[in-house]
Amino acid sequence: MAKVRSRADNGLLFLDFYYRGVRCREQTALPSTAENKRKVESFLSRILKDIAQGQFDYAATFPGSPRAAKFPTLAAGNVLQTNATAQSGNNVGAEVASTPSFADFSVTWRTEMAPQWRRLHRLGVDAIFDKHLLPTFGALPVSEVKKVDVLTFRSELSKMPGRGGKKMSAARINKIMCMLRQMLNEAAERFEFAPAFRGIKPLKMRRAEVQPFSLEEVERIRTNIRVDYCNYVTTRFFTGMRTGEINGLKWKYVDRERGLILVRETLVGGESEENAKNEQSLRDIPMLPIVREAIEDQWRCRDPENPYVFTGSSGGPIDTHNFANRIWYPLLRYLELEKRRPYQTRHTTATLMLASGENPEWIARIMGHVNTQMLFTVYSRFVPNLTRSDGLAITGLINSRDESPAPAPAKALTSADIESMDAKTLRKVLKQIALATEGAKRNDTHGHL
């Protein structure tokens, strides 16, 4: 994404943006001050607007730039011609396709989508475009990106290195392709051409590994972790809060009187954001007694000037990577427990609640899930009595019907009883006696087979 930066050597501002798939940096003579930065950002906004509308002339905007020779110049009639064609005197010209370039439309599309994206997601999208999509498709008109280009690009991604020295994962490839799909589909609808992604399905992914801790392991961790992190992990284990939710928890969202933790903000990239992952993530979590005790203990030793409930040694919110690498993983090694991410504390909450027999709908609300589907599809295998697969339940039902107690013997009728009955009642009683007698005969016959 386009940005205004300052040089480290002289402190002067420069523009950093993409045009026709090429990264361009243009120097200014302005020192890096707040006022100058606003001026340059305003200038950059006008450039991006011209790029989106197909009216940007690089040579006219930056007449002294050596990069101007690399790009077409805007001729009369709004028809783009290459510099080489203009110099050779060829009147035919190289007319550009009626649709904007992939790079230009990507700026338009990301600008339009930005309001509905969270900050960290926007940064991730920009990184995907800068590293993968613009170098491959940037110079092409969006209508010229075909299905074969998309499939070839995906094939190349599968050969690229990922984390841990392995090949790029299917999940990562799908995420990159998702950005490409969304942008090209929007371009196809807007400029009325056949979408390149027709018939292309996402790669199959393995289900994410869920490795919750047992209650015994939870107690070992709580007992042996550094004292200043005991309340923190206790709250993580028994509320199911996501990492960003608990690291960004502030005292104003802790209702100590009603015993509730209000999830209203999340910590993303070191900054608090009010918009949560989804609507269901904005929830009220009732504090279990063990959590209330941890929160009260944290309240007694808090810094009144610090808004965060759990803080690191510097006084700021807990840093995810610092906690994992310096506290969490060393503790697991010390306890000889299998290495698991701190996020597994959330999965532990779900499995412990399910195993204890809590209502699945209540658990889903506590966890911030849209519905109970994830509980049953992800966590059921960790709870033996949640879903049976051995046939014992239906067998027990059948046996209970076969082993139903025999009907009590009919009461002997006296002459006084018979005389007191009308004809209809007497016929009903005699029928019941006949049925009971027939049933007794069948049972006796089965008993001798």
Protein backbone atom coordinates (compact mmCIF):
# COMPACT_ATOMS: atom_id res chain seq x y z
CA MET A 1 0.00 0.00 0.00
CA ALA A 2 1.20 3.53 -0.68
CA LYS A 3 2.95 5.31 2.18
CA VAL A 4 4.91 8.45 2.98
CA ARG A 5 8.25 7.61 4.58
CA SER A 6 11.35 9.46 5.71
CA ARG A 7 14.93 8.57 4.82
CA ALA A 8 17.14 7.45 7.67
CA ASP A 9 20.22 9.31 6.40
CA ASN A 10 18.84 12.82 5.86
CA GLY A 11 15.30 12.75 7.31
CA LEU A 12 13.68 13.90 4.05
CA LEU A 13 10.26 12.59 3.09
CA PHE A 14 9.71 10.36 0.07
CA LEU A 15 6.69 8.68 -1.56
CA ASP A 16 6.52 4.91 -1.69
CA PHE A 17 3.80 3.49 -3.95
CA TYR A 18 3.06 0.98 -6.70
CA TYR A 19 2.28 1.92 -10.27
CA ARG A 20 1.58 -0.70 -12.96
CA GLY A 21 3.05 -3.42 -10.75
CA VAL A 22 6.32 -1.56 -10.13
CA ARG A 23 7.32 -0.21 -6.74
CA CYS A 24 8.16 3.49 -7.08
CA ARG A 25 9.99 5.74 -4.64
CA GLU A 26 10.12 9.45 -5.33
CA GLN A 27 12.17 11.81 -3.17
CA THR A 28 10.99 15.20 -1.89
CA ALA A 29 13.01 18.08 -0.51
CA LEU A 30 10.81 18.39 2.58
CA PRO A 31 12.11 17.47 6.05
CA SER A 32 10.07 15.05 8.11
CA THR A 33 7.69 17.22 10.12
CA ALA A 34 4.03 16.67 10.93
CA GLU A 35 2.92 19.51 8.64
CA ASN A 36 5.11 18.41 5.74
CA LYS A 37 3.96 14.84 6.13
CA ARG A 38 0.33 15.95 5.84
CA LYS A 39 1.16 17.85 2.65
CA VAL A 40 2.93 14.91 1.06
CA GLU A 41 0.15 12.51 2.10
CA SER A 42 -2.41 14.80 0.45
CA PHE A 43 -0.27 14.83 -2.70
CA LEU A 44 -0.01 11.04 -2.59
CA SER A 45 -3.80 10.73 -2.25
CA ARG A 46 -4.25 12.74 -5.46
CA ILE A 47 -1.79 10.42 -7.20
CA LEU A 48 -3.68 7.33 -6.06
CA LYS A 49 -6.95 8.84 -7.22
CA ASP A 50 -5.49 9.52 -10.68
CA ILE A 51 -4.11 5.98 -10.82
CA ALA A 52 -7.50 4.51 -9.94
CA GLN A 53 -9.18 6.61 -12.66
CA GLY A 54 -6.54 5.80 -15.27
CA GLN A 55 -5.46 9.44 -15.53
CA PHE A 56 -2.02 9.30 -13.90
CA ASP A 57 0.86 10.60 -16.00
CA TYR A 58 4.14 9.66 -14.34
CA ALA A 59 6.33 11.94 -16.49
CA ALA A 60 4.09 14.96 -15.90
CA THR A 61 3.92 14.32 -12.14
CA PHE A 62 7.64 13.60 -11.70
CA PRO A 63 9.28 15.26 -14.73
CA GLY A 64 12.82 14.83 -13.48
CA SER A 65 12.45 11.21 -12.41
CA PRO A 66 14.51 8.56 -14.24
CA ARG A 67 11.57 6.16 -13.72
CA ALA A 68 9.30 8.22 -15.98
CA ALA A 69 10.86 6.60 -19.07
CA LYS A 70 9.65 3.19 -17.89
CA PHE A 71 5.97 4.08 -18.02
CA PRO A 72 3.53 5.06 -20.81
CA THR A 73 2.79 8.75 -21.19
CA LEU A 74 -0.73 10.15 -21.25
CA ALA A 75 -1.36 11.37 -24.80
CA ALA A 76 -4.29 13.34 -26.22
CA GLY A 77 -7.61 11.57 -26.23
CA ASN A 78 -6.71 9.77 -23.00
CA VAL A 79 -4.94 7.03 -25.00
CA LEU A 80 -1.74 5.68 -23.49
CA GLN A 81 1.32 5.28 -25.71
CA THR A 82 4.69 3.86 -24.85
CA ASN A 83 7.71 6.16 -24.97
CA ALA A 84 9.39 3.89 -27.46
CA THR A 85 6.43 4.13 -29.84
CA ALA A 86 6.26 7.91 -29.55
CA GLN A 87 9.99 8.31 -30.27
CA SER A 88 9.89 6.03 -33.31
CA GLY A 89 7.09 8.06 -34.87
CA ASN A 90 4.83 5.04 -35.20
CA ASN A 91 1.26 6.36 -35.35
CA VAL A 92 -0.36 3.08 -34.50
CA GLY A 93 0.48 3.31 -30.80
CA ALA A 94 0.13 0.65 -28.13
CA GLU A 95 -3.39 1.09 -26.85
CA VAL A 96 -3.93 -0.27 -23.41
CA ALA A 97 -6.86 -2.56 -22.57
CA SER A 98 -10.10 -0.91 -21.52
CA THR A 99 -9.73 -2.22 -17.97
CA PRO A 100 -7.20 -0.83 -15.48
CA SER A 101 -4.05 -2.70 -14.61
CA PHE A 102 -4.08 -5.20 -11.79
CA ALA A 103 -1.84 -2.90 -9.72
CA ASP A 104 -4.03 0.15 -10.24
CA PHE A 105 -7.29 -1.65 -9.50
CA SER A 106 -5.75 -3.26 -6.42
CA VAL A 107 -5.27 0.21 -4.96
CA THR A 108 -8.91 1.06 -5.66
CA TRP A 109 -10.21 -2.22 -4.28
CA ARG A 110 -8.15 -2.14 -1.08
CA THR A 111 -9.14 1.48 -0.46
CA GLU A 112 -12.82 0.58 -0.81
CA MET A 113 -12.52 -2.49 1.42
CA ALA A 114 -10.35 -0.90 4.12
CA PRO A 115 -13.23 0.46 6.27
CA GLN A 116 -14.56 -3.05 6.95
CA TRP A 117 -11.14 -4.56 7.72
CA ARG A 118 -9.37 -4.51 11.04
CA ARG A 119 -5.99 -2.79 11.11
CA LEU A 120 -3.92 -5.96 11.38
CA HIS A 121 -5.90 -7.57 8.56
CA ARG A 122 -5.27 -4.54 6.35
CA LEU A 123 -1.56 -4.85 6.98
CA GLY A 124 -1.70 -8.54 6.15
CA VAL A 125 -3.55 -7.87 2.89
CA ASP A 126 -1.02 -5.22 1.88
CA ALA A 127 1.82 -7.63 2.61
CA ILE A 128 0.21 -10.32 0.41
CA PHE A 129 -0.17 -7.89 -2.49
CA ASP A 130 3.33 -6.45 -2.14
CA LYS A 131 5.10 -9.81 -1.84
CA HIS A 132 3.05 -12.14 -4.05
CA LEU A 133 0.30 -10.62 -6.18
CA LEU A 134 1.74 -7.36 -7.56
CA PRO A 135 5.05 -8.87 -8.75
CA THR A 136 3.10 -11.55 -10.66
CA PHE A 137 0.01 -9.77 -11.98
CA GLY A 138 0.70 -6.06 -11.41
CA ALA A 139 1.37 -5.00 -15.00
CA LEU A 140 -1.51 -7.00 -16.54
CA PRO A 141 -4.94 -5.45 -17.17
CA VAL A 142 -7.35 -7.16 -14.76
CA SER A 143 -9.36 -8.58 -17.67
CA GLU A 144 -6.23 -10.32 -18.99
CA VAL A 145 -5.71 -12.43 -15.87
CA LYS A 146 -6.97 -15.82 -16.99
CA LYS A 147 -7.69 -19.10 -15.26
CA VAL A 148 -4.43 -20.63 -16.46
CA ASP A 149 -2.52 -17.69 -14.93
CA VAL A 150 -4.24 -18.25 -11.60
CA LEU A 151 -3.52 -22.00 -11.59
CA THR A 152 0.11 -21.43 -12.58
CA PHE A 153 0.48 -18.88 -9.80
CA ARG A 154 -0.95 -21.29 -7.23
CA SER A 155 1.41 -24.00 -8.42
CA GLU A 156 4.38 -21.67 -7.92
CA LEU A 157 3.18 -20.78 -4.42
CA SER A 158 3.16 -24.47 -3.47
CA LYS A 159 6.89 -24.61 -4.21
CA MET A 160 7.78 -21.61 -2.08
CA PRO A 161 9.21 -22.06 1.44
CA GLY A 162 6.94 -21.61 4.43
CA ARG A 163 7.50 -21.71 8.17
CA GLY A 164 9.98 -24.09 9.73
CA GLY A 165 11.77 -24.80 6.47
CA LYS A 166 8.74 -26.59 5.03
CA LYS A 167 6.82 -25.81 1.86
CA MET A 168 4.11 -23.16 2.07
CA SER A 169 1.04 -24.64 3.78
CA ALA A 170 -2.33 -25.10 2.10
CA ALA A 171 -3.84 -22.66 4.61
CA ARG A 172 -1.37 -19.93 3.64
CA ILE A 173 -1.85 -20.58 -0.09
CA ASN A 174 -5.63 -20.41 0.33
CA LYS A 175 -5.33 -17.10 2.16
CA ILE A 176 -3.28 -15.57 -0.66
CA MET A 177 -5.63 -16.99 -3.29
CA CYS A 178 -8.63 -15.68 -1.34
CA MET A 179 -7.35 -12.10 -1.72
CA LEU A 180 -6.76 -12.68 -5.43
CA ARG A 181 -10.21 -14.25 -5.85
CA GLN A 182 -12.05 -11.42 -4.09
CA MET A 183 -10.33 -8.69 -6.07
CA LEU A 184 -10.67 -10.39 -9.48
CA ASN A 185 -14.32 -11.27 -8.86
CA GLU A 186 -15.05 -7.64 -8.02
CA ALA A 187 -13.22 -6.51 -11.17
CA ALA A 188 -15.10 -9.06 -13.29
CA GLU A 189 -18.44 -7.82 -11.98
CA ARG A 190 -17.51 -4.16 -12.33
CA PHE A 191 -16.01 -4.35 -15.83
CA GLU A 192 -18.18 -7.23 -17.07
CA PHE A 193 -15.72 -9.94 -18.07
CA ALA A 194 -15.56 -13.65 -17.30
CA PRO A 195 -14.14 -14.30 -13.80
CA ALA A 196 -10.80 -16.10 -13.82
CA PHE A 197 -11.64 -18.10 -10.70
CA ARG A 198 -14.60 -19.96 -12.20
CA GLY A 199 -14.28 -23.62 -11.19
CA ILE A 200 -11.19 -23.16 -9.00
CA LYS A 201 -11.68 -24.54 -5.51
CA PRO A 202 -9.54 -23.94 -2.41
CA LEU A 203 -6.91 -26.51 -1.51
CA LYS A 204 -7.97 -29.07 1.05
CA MET A 205 -6.59 -28.31 4.49
CA ARG A 206 -5.95 -30.48 7.49
CA ARG A 207 -8.09 -29.66 10.48
CA ALA A 208 -6.21 -27.50 12.97
CA GLU A 209 -4.74 -29.54 15.79
CA VAL A 210 -6.52 -29.11 19.10
CA GLN A 211 -4.42 -30.25 22.06
CA PRO A 212 -6.14 -29.21 25.29
CA PHE A 213 -4.58 -29.74 28.67
CA SER A 214 -6.03 -32.11 31.21
CA LEU A 215 -7.19 -30.75 34.57
CA GLU A 216 -4.15 -32.32 36.21
CA GLU A 217 -1.83 -30.59 33.74
CA VAL A 218 -3.64 -27.29 34.32
CA GLU A 219 -2.96 -27.53 38.05
CA ARG A 220 0.70 -28.37 37.48
CA ILE A 221 1.08 -25.31 35.27
CA ARG A 222 -0.70 -23.01 37.73
CA THR A 223 1.39 -24.33 40.61
CA ASN A 224 4.78 -24.00 38.91
CA ILE A 225 4.47 -20.87 36.77
CA ARG A 226 6.08 -17.63 37.89
CA VAL A 227 3.97 -16.05 40.61
CA ASP A 228 3.35 -12.85 38.64
CA TYR A 229 1.77 -14.89 35.82
CA CYS A 230 -0.35 -17.26 37.94
CA ASN A 231 -3.49 -15.08 37.87
CA TYR A 232 -3.01 -14.56 34.14
CA VAL A 233 -2.89 -18.25 33.18
CA THR A 234 -5.70 -19.06 35.62
CA THR A 235 -7.94 -16.57 33.87
CA ARG A 236 -6.90 -17.92 30.48
CA PHE A 237 -7.62 -21.53 31.45
CA PHE A 238 -11.07 -20.90 32.94
CA THR A 239 -12.57 -18.16 30.73
CA GLY A 240 -11.60 -19.31 27.24
CA MET A 241 -10.57 -15.78 26.25
CA ARG A 242 -8.54 -15.37 23.08
CA THR A 243 -4.97 -14.10 23.40
CA GLY A 244 -5.77 -10.60 22.13
CA GLU A 245 -8.85 -10.43 24.37
CA ILE A 246 -7.10 -11.24 27.63
CA ASN A 247 -3.91 -9.31 26.84
CA GLY A 248 -6.03 -6.25 26.03
CA LEU A 249 -8.39 -6.63 29.02
CA LYS A 250 -8.79 -3.36 30.92
CA TRP A 251 -10.15 -2.81 34.42
CA LYS A 252 -13.07 -0.79 33.07
CA TYR A 253 -14.34 -4.00 31.47
CA VAL A 254 -14.20 -6.05 34.70
CA ASP A 255 -17.51 -5.94 36.59
CA ARG A 256 -16.38 -7.15 40.01
CA GLU A 257 -19.80 -6.60 41.59
CA ARG A 258 -21.67 -8.85 39.16
CA GLY A 259 -18.71 -11.15 38.56
CA LEU A 260 -18.45 -10.54 34.83
CA ILE A 261 -15.62 -9.99 32.36
CA LEU A 262 -16.85 -7.85 29.46
CA VAL A 263 -15.06 -8.59 26.20
CA ARG A 264 -15.20 -5.27 24.35
CA GLU A 265 -11.67 -4.67 23.08
CA THR A 266 -8.83 -6.78 21.73
CA LEU A 267 -5.10 -6.15 21.55
CA VAL A 268 -3.85 -6.37 17.96
CA GLY A 269 -0.25 -5.65 17.07
CA GLY A 270 0.32 -3.94 20.40
CA GLU A 271 -2.67 -1.60 20.00
CA SER A 272 -6.18 -1.85 21.45
CA GLU A 273 -9.05 -2.11 18.98
CA GLU A 274 -12.72 -1.88 19.87
CA ASN A 275 -14.02 -4.00 17.00
CA ALA A 276 -13.76 -7.66 17.99
CA LYS A 277 -13.31 -10.69 15.71
CA ASN A 278 -17.07 -10.93 15.11
CA GLU A 279 -20.34 -9.88 16.70
CA GLN A 280 -20.46 -12.97 18.93
CA SER A 281 -17.02 -12.12 20.31
CA LEU A 282 -18.51 -9.14 22.12
CA ARG A 283 -19.75 -11.06 25.13
CA ASP A 284 -19.98 -11.15 28.91
CA ILE A 285 -18.08 -13.98 30.60
CA PRO A 286 -19.22 -14.98 34.10
CA MET A 287 -16.29 -15.45 36.45
CA LEU A 288 -15.99 -18.87 38.00
CA PRO A 289 -14.93 -18.77 41.67
CA ILE A 290 -11.33 -19.61 40.74
CA VAL A 291 -11.29 -16.75 38.21
CA ARG A 292 -12.90 -14.30 40.62
CA GLU A 293 -10.22 -15.12 43.18
CA ALA A 294 -7.48 -14.49 40.60
CA ILE A 295 -9.04 -11.19 39.51
CA GLU A 296 -9.45 -9.99 43.10
CA ASP A 297 -5.82 -10.86 43.81
CA GLN A 298 -4.80 -8.96 40.69
CA TRP A 299 -6.90 -5.98 41.82
CA ARG A 300 -5.13 -5.79 45.17
CA CYS A 301 -1.67 -5.54 43.58
CA ARG A 302 -2.64 -3.36 40.60
CA ASP A 303 -1.15 -0.02 39.59
CA PRO A 304 -4.06 2.47 39.84
CA GLU A 305 -2.64 4.43 36.90
CA ASN A 306 -2.44 1.37 34.62
CA PRO A 307 -5.64 0.54 32.69
CA TYR A 308 -4.64 -3.05 31.89
CA VAL A 309 -5.50 -5.99 34.15
CA PHE A 310 -2.48 -8.11 33.20
CA THR A 311 0.83 -6.42 32.47
CA GLY A 312 4.40 -7.34 31.65
CA SER A 313 7.50 -6.27 33.49
CA SER A 314 7.54 -2.94 31.62
CA GLY A 315 4.02 -2.08 32.78
CA GLY A 316 2.43 -2.39 29.36
CA PRO A 317 0.10 -5.19 28.24
CA ILE A 318 1.59 -8.66 28.07
CA ASP A 319 3.51 -9.24 24.85
CA THR A 320 2.37 -12.49 23.21
CA HIS A 321 5.75 -13.59 21.84
CA ASN A 322 7.68 -12.58 24.93
CA PHE A 323 5.32 -14.55 27.20
CA ALA A 324 5.43 -17.61 24.96
CA ASN A 325 9.21 -17.73 24.52
CA ARG A 326 10.35 -16.66 27.98
CA ILE A 327 7.63 -18.01 30.27
CA TRP A 328 5.33 -20.53 28.62
CA TYR A 329 7.57 -22.85 26.58
CA PRO A 330 10.36 -23.04 29.21
CA LEU A 331 7.71 -24.02 31.79
CA LEU A 332 6.36 -26.80 29.59
CA ARG A 333 9.88 -28.14 29.10
CA TYR A 334 10.48 -28.04 32.85
CA LEU A 335 7.26 -29.94 33.51
CA GLU A 336 8.05 -32.36 30.65
CA LEU A 337 4.76 -31.54 28.94
CA GLU A 338 4.29 -31.62 25.18
CA LYS A 339 4.96 -28.28 23.52
CA ARG A 340 1.68 -26.49 22.89
CA ARG A 341 0.85 -22.91 22.03
CA PRO A 342 -0.64 -20.70 24.79
CA TYR A 343 -3.82 -20.56 22.65
CA GLN A 344 -4.49 -24.16 23.74
CA THR A 345 -5.69 -22.70 27.05
CA ARG A 346 -8.83 -21.62 25.18
CA HIS A 347 -9.39 -25.14 23.86
CA THR A 348 -8.84 -26.44 27.38
CA THR A 349 -11.70 -24.27 28.65
CA ALA A 350 -14.10 -25.75 26.11
CA THR A 351 -13.18 -29.37 26.79
CA LEU A 352 -13.31 -29.02 30.57
CA MET A 353 -16.73 -27.37 30.41
CA LEU A 354 -18.09 -30.03 28.06
CA ALA A 355 -16.68 -32.84 30.18
CA SER A 356 -18.33 -31.38 33.26
CA GLY A 357 -21.75 -31.50 31.56
CA GLU A 358 -22.36 -27.77 31.03
CA ASN A 359 -25.00 -26.76 28.49
CA PRO A 360 -23.31 -26.59 25.02
CA GLU A 361 -25.23 -23.45 24.06
CA TRP A 362 -24.03 -21.68 27.20
CA ILE A 363 -20.45 -22.80 26.48
CA ALA A 364 -20.70 -21.49 22.90
CA ARG A 365 -21.77 -18.06 24.19
CA ILE A 366 -18.92 -18.01 26.71
CA MET A 367 -16.41 -18.92 24.01
CA GLY A 368 -17.79 -16.38 21.54
CA HIS A 369 -18.81 -18.98 18.93
CA VAL A 370 -21.59 -18.34 16.45
CA ASN A 371 -23.27 -21.67 17.34
CA THR A 372 -22.53 -25.06 18.93
CA GLN A 373 -21.26 -26.67 15.72
CA MET A 374 -17.59 -26.08 16.55
CA LEU A 375 -18.01 -27.58 20.00
CA PHE A 376 -19.25 -30.87 18.58
CA THR A 377 -16.96 -31.05 15.54
CA VAL A 378 -13.72 -29.97 17.20
CA TYR A 379 -13.94 -30.90 20.86
CA SER A 380 -16.20 -33.95 21.05
CA ARG A 381 -13.34 -36.47 20.70
CA PHE A 382 -11.80 -35.12 23.90
CA VAL A 383 -14.97 -35.70 25.94
CA PRO A 384 -15.76 -39.45 26.22
CA ASN A 385 -19.38 -39.08 27.35
CA LEU A 386 -20.35 -36.18 25.08
CA THR A 387 -21.06 -38.25 21.97
CA ARG A 388 -21.24 -42.05 22.16
CA SER A 389 -20.03 -44.20 19.28
CA ASP A 390 -20.15 -47.68 20.83
CA GLY A 391 -23.89 -48.47 20.51
CA LEU A 392 -24.37 -48.86 24.25
CA ALA A 393 -26.98 -46.13 24.51
CA ILE A 394 -29.41 -47.65 22.00
CA THR A 395 -28.69 -51.15 23.33
CA GLY A 396 -29.64 -50.00 26.82
CA LEU A 397 -32.89 -48.54 25.50
CA ILE A 398 -33.79 -51.78 23.74
CA ASN A 399 -32.93 -53.87 26.77
CA SER A 400 -35.04 -51.64 28.99
CA ARG A 401 -38.06 -52.40 26.79
CA ASP A 402 -37.39 -56.16 26.77
CA GLU A 403 -36.79 -56.26 30.49
CA SER A 404 -39.88 -54.24 31.41
CA PRO A 405 -41.54 -55.65 34.53
CA ALA A 406 -44.46 -58.02 34.01
CA PRO A 407 -47.90 -56.51 34.69
CA ALA A 408 -49.22 -56.98 38.17
CA PRO A 409 -51.71 -59.86 38.49
CA ALA A 410 -55.29 -58.79 38.09
CA LYS A 411 -57.19 -58.28 41.28
CA ALA A 412 -59.74 -61.11 41.95
CA LEU A 413 -63.31 -59.94 41.30
CA THR A 414 -65.92 -60.59 43.92
CA SER A 415 -69.64 -61.05 43.22
CA ALA A 416 -70.22 -57.65 44.82
CA ASP A 417 -67.78 -56.04 42.32
CA ILE A 418 -69.54 -57.66 39.37
CA GLU A 419 -72.99 -56.60 40.57
CA SER A 420 -71.86 -53.00 41.01
CA MET A 421 -70.57 -52.72 37.37
CA ASP A 422 -72.64 -51.79 34.40
CA ALA A 423 -72.45 -53.89 31.24
CA LYS A 424 -69.83 -51.71 29.50
CA THR A 425 -67.44 -51.67 32.46
CA LEU A 426 -67.79 -55.40 32.97
CA ARG A 427 -66.90 -56.14 29.31
CA LYS A 428 -63.79 -53.92 29.63
CA VAL A 429 -62.60 -55.71 32.79
CA LEU A 430 -63.14 -59.16 31.26
CA LYS A 431 -61.14 -58.10 28.17
CA GLN A 432 -58.21 -56.98 30.35
CA ILE A 433 -58.25 -60.30 32.19
CA ALA A 434 -58.21 -62.18 28.86
CA LEU A 435 -55.23 -60.17 27.55
CA ALA A 436 -53.26 -60.71 30.77
CA THR A 437 -53.90 -64.43 30.62
CA GLU A 438 -52.77 -64.64 26.97
CA GLY A 439 -49.58 -62.75 27.77
CA ALA A 440 -48.78 -65.06 30.64
CA LYS A 441 -49.17 -68.06 28.33
CA ARG A 442 -46.74 -66.56 25.75
CA ASN A 443 -44.12 -65.83 28.42
CA ASP A 444 -44.45 -69.37 29.72
CA THR A 445 -44.03 -70.81 26.22
CA HIS A 446 -40.85 -68.71 25.57
CA GLY A 447 -39.45 -69.83 28.88
CA HIS A 448 -39.55 -73.48 27.79
CA LEU A 449 -37.94 -73.01 24.37
